[in-house]
Amino acid sequence: MPVEDPLYKRRHAIAGVAVALLLSVLVAALLGRLLGDAFGDSYALRAGIYGGLLLYVVVGAAVLFTRVAVHEKRPLSGGRVLLWLASLWLWPLLLLPRGSRGDGAG
């Protein structure tokens, strides 16, 4: 086993982000259709919304991976996939400044 391989150490995070990104393509397509139909019922609008949502989740996948991949040690499961999927759509929360921890070091 290549224990020193950095990709091997992050295999759970890579799998989680990959599966969540794949599922997010389907979610973005559904949201693009629903929002496009609600706001104008044109193909161009639906395609634009879909493209914007895809850009959002691809950027989110990069941010999510860089922020949490080091800490992910548990194997992939159904619950973990749902957590990765939710995290992928809520990734801007990772960019919020952290509050004071109350440890007196600040």
Protein backbone atom coordinates (compact mmCIF):
# COMPACT_ATOMS: atom_id res chain seq x y z
CA MET A 1 0.00 0.00 0.00
CA PRO A 2 1.42 3.42 -0.91
CA VAL A 3 0.93 4.96 2.53
CA GLU A 4 3.02 8.05 1.75
CA ASP A 5 1.02 8.96 -1.37
CA PRO A 6 -0.87 12.22 -0.65
CA LEU A 7 -3.71 11.24 -3.00
CA TYR A 8 -4.10 7.94 -1.21
CA LYS A 9 -4.38 9.77 2.12
CA ARG A 10 -7.15 11.96 0.68
CA ARG A 11 -9.00 9.20 -1.15
CA HIS A 12 -12.15 9.54 0.99
CA ALA A 13 -12.34 13.28 0.32
CA ILE A 14 -11.71 12.81 -3.40
CA ALA A 15 -14.47 10.21 -3.63
CA GLY A 16 -16.84 12.37 -1.58
CA VAL A 17 -16.32 15.47 -3.69
CA ALA A 18 -16.54 13.49 -6.93
CA VAL A 19 -19.83 11.79 -6.06
CA ALA A 20 -21.29 15.02 -4.68
CA LEU A 21 -20.27 16.88 -7.83
CA LEU A 22 -21.85 14.22 -10.02
CA LEU A 23 -25.11 14.43 -8.06
CA SER A 24 -24.93 18.22 -8.16
CA VAL A 25 -24.98 18.17 -11.95
CA LEU A 26 -28.38 16.49 -11.74
CA VAL A 27 -29.59 18.88 -9.03
CA ALA A 28 -28.41 21.88 -11.09
CA ALA A 29 -30.26 20.58 -14.14
CA LEU A 30 -33.47 20.21 -12.15
CA LEU A 31 -33.09 23.64 -10.53
CA GLY A 32 -32.23 25.20 -13.88
CA ARG A 33 -35.40 23.83 -15.38
CA LEU A 34 -37.63 24.79 -12.45
CA LEU A 35 -36.22 28.29 -12.06
CA GLY A 36 -36.10 28.87 -15.81
CA ASP A 37 -39.73 27.87 -16.18
CA ALA A 38 -40.74 30.03 -13.22
CA PHE A 39 -38.98 33.16 -14.47
CA GLY A 40 -39.50 33.15 -18.20
CA ASP A 41 -39.94 29.74 -19.78
CA SER A 42 -37.16 30.14 -22.34
CA TYR A 43 -34.40 27.71 -23.19
CA ALA A 44 -31.74 30.41 -22.99
CA LEU A 45 -32.78 31.33 -19.45
CA ARG A 46 -32.83 27.69 -18.32
CA ALA A 47 -29.41 27.07 -19.89
CA GLY A 48 -28.00 30.22 -18.30
CA ILE A 49 -29.26 29.27 -14.86
CA TYR A 50 -27.92 25.73 -15.30
CA GLY A 51 -24.53 27.06 -16.38
CA GLY A 52 -24.38 29.44 -13.44
CA LEU A 53 -25.28 26.68 -11.00
CA LEU A 54 -22.64 24.41 -12.53
CA LEU A 55 -20.02 27.11 -12.13
CA TYR A 56 -21.14 27.59 -8.52
CA VAL A 57 -20.74 23.90 -7.63
CA VAL A 58 -17.43 23.45 -9.48
CA VAL A 59 -15.94 26.41 -7.61
CA GLY A 60 -17.53 25.01 -4.46
CA ALA A 61 -15.92 21.63 -5.05
CA ALA A 62 -12.48 23.23 -5.25
CA VAL A 63 -13.05 25.32 -2.11
CA LEU A 64 -14.56 22.42 -0.21
CA PHE A 65 -11.74 20.06 -1.14
CA THR A 66 -9.00 22.51 -0.20
CA ARG A 67 -10.64 23.35 3.13
CA VAL A 68 -11.68 19.93 4.43
CA ALA A 69 -9.84 17.19 2.53
CA VAL A 70 -7.05 17.01 5.08
CA HIS A 71 -9.52 16.26 7.86
CA GLU A 72 -11.64 13.64 6.07
CA LYS A 73 -10.69 10.18 7.34
CA ARG A 74 -13.96 8.22 7.30
CA PRO A 75 -14.88 5.96 4.40
CA LEU A 76 -17.64 7.01 2.03
CA SER A 77 -21.18 5.98 2.95
CA GLY A 78 -24.68 7.11 2.04
CA GLY A 79 -24.79 9.57 4.90
CA ARG A 80 -21.35 10.92 4.08
CA VAL A 81 -22.39 11.44 0.44
CA LEU A 82 -25.40 13.47 1.58
CA LEU A 83 -23.15 15.51 3.86
CA TRP A 84 -20.72 16.17 1.00
CA LEU A 85 -23.65 17.10 -1.27
CA ALA A 86 -25.10 19.55 1.27
CA SER A 87 -21.64 20.97 1.94
CA LEU A 88 -21.07 21.46 -1.76
CA TRP A 89 -24.18 23.63 -2.06
CA LEU A 90 -23.46 25.52 1.16
CA TRP A 91 -19.74 26.09 0.54
CA PRO A 92 -19.82 29.90 0.94
CA LEU A 93 -20.30 29.30 4.67
CA LEU A 94 -16.72 28.01 4.75
CA LEU A 95 -15.52 31.46 3.77
CA LEU A 96 -17.20 33.26 6.67
CA PRO A 97 -14.82 34.50 9.33
CA ARG A 98 -14.64 32.35 12.41
CA GLY A 99 -15.92 33.87 15.63
CA SER A 100 -13.94 34.10 18.81
CA ARG A 101 -13.46 30.72 20.45
CA GLY A 102 -13.34 32.20 23.91
CA ASP A 103 -9.90 30.74 24.70
CA GLY A 104 -8.46 34.13 25.62
CA ALA A 105 -5.92 34.06 22.78
CA GLY A 106 -7.36 36.92 20.82
